[in-house]
Each structure stands twice: as structure tokens, then as C-alpha cells.
């Protein structure tokens, strides 16, 4: 019976349960790394799409904002229809829309 126990206790048999747990842990870690990289890629893609949409909106709105700014600057610096003193909100609204006021 002792020779049978010696065969089981040899050094090559002592490592027999080492490969499977190591391979399983390695696969688990690799899966986590791949998942993290994939998640980061998806988040970055969404961020880039948002930045591009913001640029499109900004580029579309810039000319309208510039025109409105120029119109307001003209109205307060050069427009002769601006009354002396502080104008009412209605009067400013009429001037911006180029409406003729009934009281002017």
C-alpha cells in the first residue's frame, strides 16, 4: 500500500489542481478588462456625439445672436425712434419688430 501512496505524493501530482483555477481567474480578469474598455468606449462615443451636437447648435445659432446683438446696439446708439428717457417695454418691443406705434 505504501508504494501506492508514494506515487500520489510525487511533486508532479502536487500541481495537478493549479492550472484550472489559474486559467479561470485569468479568464475572469481578462473579461473584466474587456468589459471596462468597452464601457469606456461607449461613454466616450456618447460624449463625442454630444460635443458635436453642441457645435452644430452653436454654429447654427451664432448668426442669429450676432444679428440680434447688432440690432440692439443700433437701437440704443443710433436709432432716432428711441424716446428721451427710459422707454417702456412695449415701446422697445415695437422698435425691435419695426412696428409703427400709434402714439408716436
Protein backbone atom coordinates (compact mmCIF):
# COMPACT_ATOMS: atom_id res chain seq x y z
CA UNK A 1 0.00 0.00 0.00
CA UNK A 2 2.88 2.38 0.71
CA UNK A 3 4.17 2.32 -2.87
CA UNK A 4 0.74 3.48 -3.98
CA UNK A 5 0.84 6.47 -1.61
CA UNK A 6 4.30 7.40 -2.86
CA UNK A 7 3.01 7.62 -6.42
CA UNK A 8 0.26 10.01 -5.33
CA UNK A 9 2.61 12.22 -3.33
CA UNK A 10 5.12 12.85 -6.11
CA UNK A 11 5.82 16.53 -6.96
CA UNK A 12 4.23 16.40 -10.42
CA UNK A 13 0.94 15.30 -8.88
CA UNK A 14 1.00 18.07 -6.29
CA UNK A 15 0.49 20.70 -9.02
CA UNK A 16 -2.42 18.95 -10.71
CA UNK A 17 -5.06 21.32 -9.26
CA UNK A 18 -3.16 24.52 -10.11
CA UNK A 19 -3.92 25.01 -13.80
CA UNK A 20 -7.72 25.13 -13.76
CA UNK A 21 -8.14 27.79 -11.03
CA UNK A 22 -5.37 29.88 -12.56
CA UNK A 23 -6.94 29.70 -16.02
CA UNK A 24 -10.36 30.53 -14.59
CA UNK A 25 -9.05 33.59 -12.71
CA UNK A 26 -7.12 34.72 -15.77
CA UNK A 27 -10.25 34.49 -17.93
CA UNK A 28 -12.22 36.38 -15.29
CA UNK A 29 -9.69 39.22 -15.13
CA UNK A 30 -9.46 39.43 -18.93
CA UNK A 31 -13.26 39.57 -19.13
CA UNK A 32 -13.36 42.43 -16.61
CA UNK A 33 -10.70 44.37 -18.51
CA UNK A 34 -12.54 43.91 -21.81
CA UNK A 35 -15.80 44.99 -20.18
CA UNK A 36 -14.19 48.10 -18.69
CA UNK A 37 -12.63 49.07 -22.02
CA UNK A 38 -15.93 48.51 -23.81
CA UNK A 39 -17.82 50.61 -21.26
CA UNK A 40 -15.25 53.41 -21.55
CA UNK A 41 -15.51 53.33 -25.34
CA UNK A 42 -19.29 53.59 -25.24
CA UNK A 43 -19.18 56.50 -22.78
CA UNK A 44 -16.57 58.34 -24.85
CA UNK A 45 -18.62 57.83 -28.02
CA UNK A 46 -21.69 59.34 -26.35
CA UNK A 47 -19.58 62.25 -25.12
CA UNK A 48 -18.21 62.94 -28.61
CA UNK A 49 -21.70 62.81 -30.11
CA UNK A 50 -22.88 65.35 -27.52
CA UNK A 51 -19.96 67.67 -28.25
CA UNK A 52 -20.66 67.52 -32.00
CA UNK A 53 -24.34 68.29 -31.43
CA UNK A 54 -23.39 71.28 -29.27
CA UNK A 55 -21.10 72.58 -32.03
CA UNK A 56 -23.84 72.22 -34.64
CA UNK A 57 -26.32 74.10 -32.45
CA UNK A 58 -23.76 76.80 -31.63
CA UNK A 59 -22.83 77.26 -35.29
CA UNK A 60 -26.49 77.49 -36.28
CA UNK A 61 -27.34 79.99 -33.53
CA UNK A 62 -24.30 82.26 -33.83
CA UNK A 63 -25.50 84.31 -36.85
CA UNK A 64 -28.90 84.94 -35.25
CA UNK A 65 -27.27 86.03 -31.99
CA UNK A 66 -24.90 88.34 -33.87
CA UNK A 67 -27.80 89.92 -35.78
CA UNK A 68 -29.78 90.44 -32.59
CA UNK A 69 -26.77 91.96 -30.86
CA UNK A 70 -26.15 94.33 -33.77
CA UNK A 71 -29.81 95.35 -33.84
CA UNK A 72 -29.87 96.09 -30.11
CA UNK A 73 -26.63 98.07 -30.33
CA UNK A 74 -28.01 100.08 -33.26
CA UNK A 75 -31.27 100.67 -31.43
CA UNK A 76 -29.58 102.13 -28.36
CA UNK A 77 -26.83 104.11 -30.13
CA UNK A 78 -28.16 105.37 -33.47
CA UNK A 79 -31.92 104.81 -33.76
CA UNK A 80 -33.83 108.11 -33.83
CA UNK A 81 -37.09 106.46 -32.75
CA UNK A 82 -35.73 105.89 -29.24
CA UNK A 83 -37.50 108.37 -26.95
CA UNK A 84 -35.69 110.53 -24.41
CA UNK A 85 -35.62 108.86 -21.02
CA UNK A 86 -36.33 105.26 -20.26
CA UNK A 87 -38.61 103.66 -22.87
CA UNK A 88 -41.33 101.25 -21.86
CA UNK A 89 -41.07 97.56 -22.57
CA UNK A 90 -43.83 97.82 -25.17
CA UNK A 91 -42.00 100.61 -26.99
CA UNK A 92 -38.78 98.60 -27.09
CA UNK A 93 -40.71 95.58 -28.36
CA UNK A 94 -42.29 97.68 -31.14
CA UNK A 95 -38.91 99.10 -32.12
CA UNK A 96 -37.36 95.64 -32.32
CA UNK A 97 -40.18 94.40 -34.55
CA UNK A 98 -40.18 97.62 -36.64
CA UNK A 99 -43.84 98.24 -35.83
CA UNK A 100 -45.21 101.75 -36.09
CA UNK A 101 -46.60 102.82 -32.74
CA UNK A 102 -49.94 104.58 -32.59
CA UNK A 103 -48.74 107.13 -30.04
CA UNK A 104 -45.52 108.20 -31.78
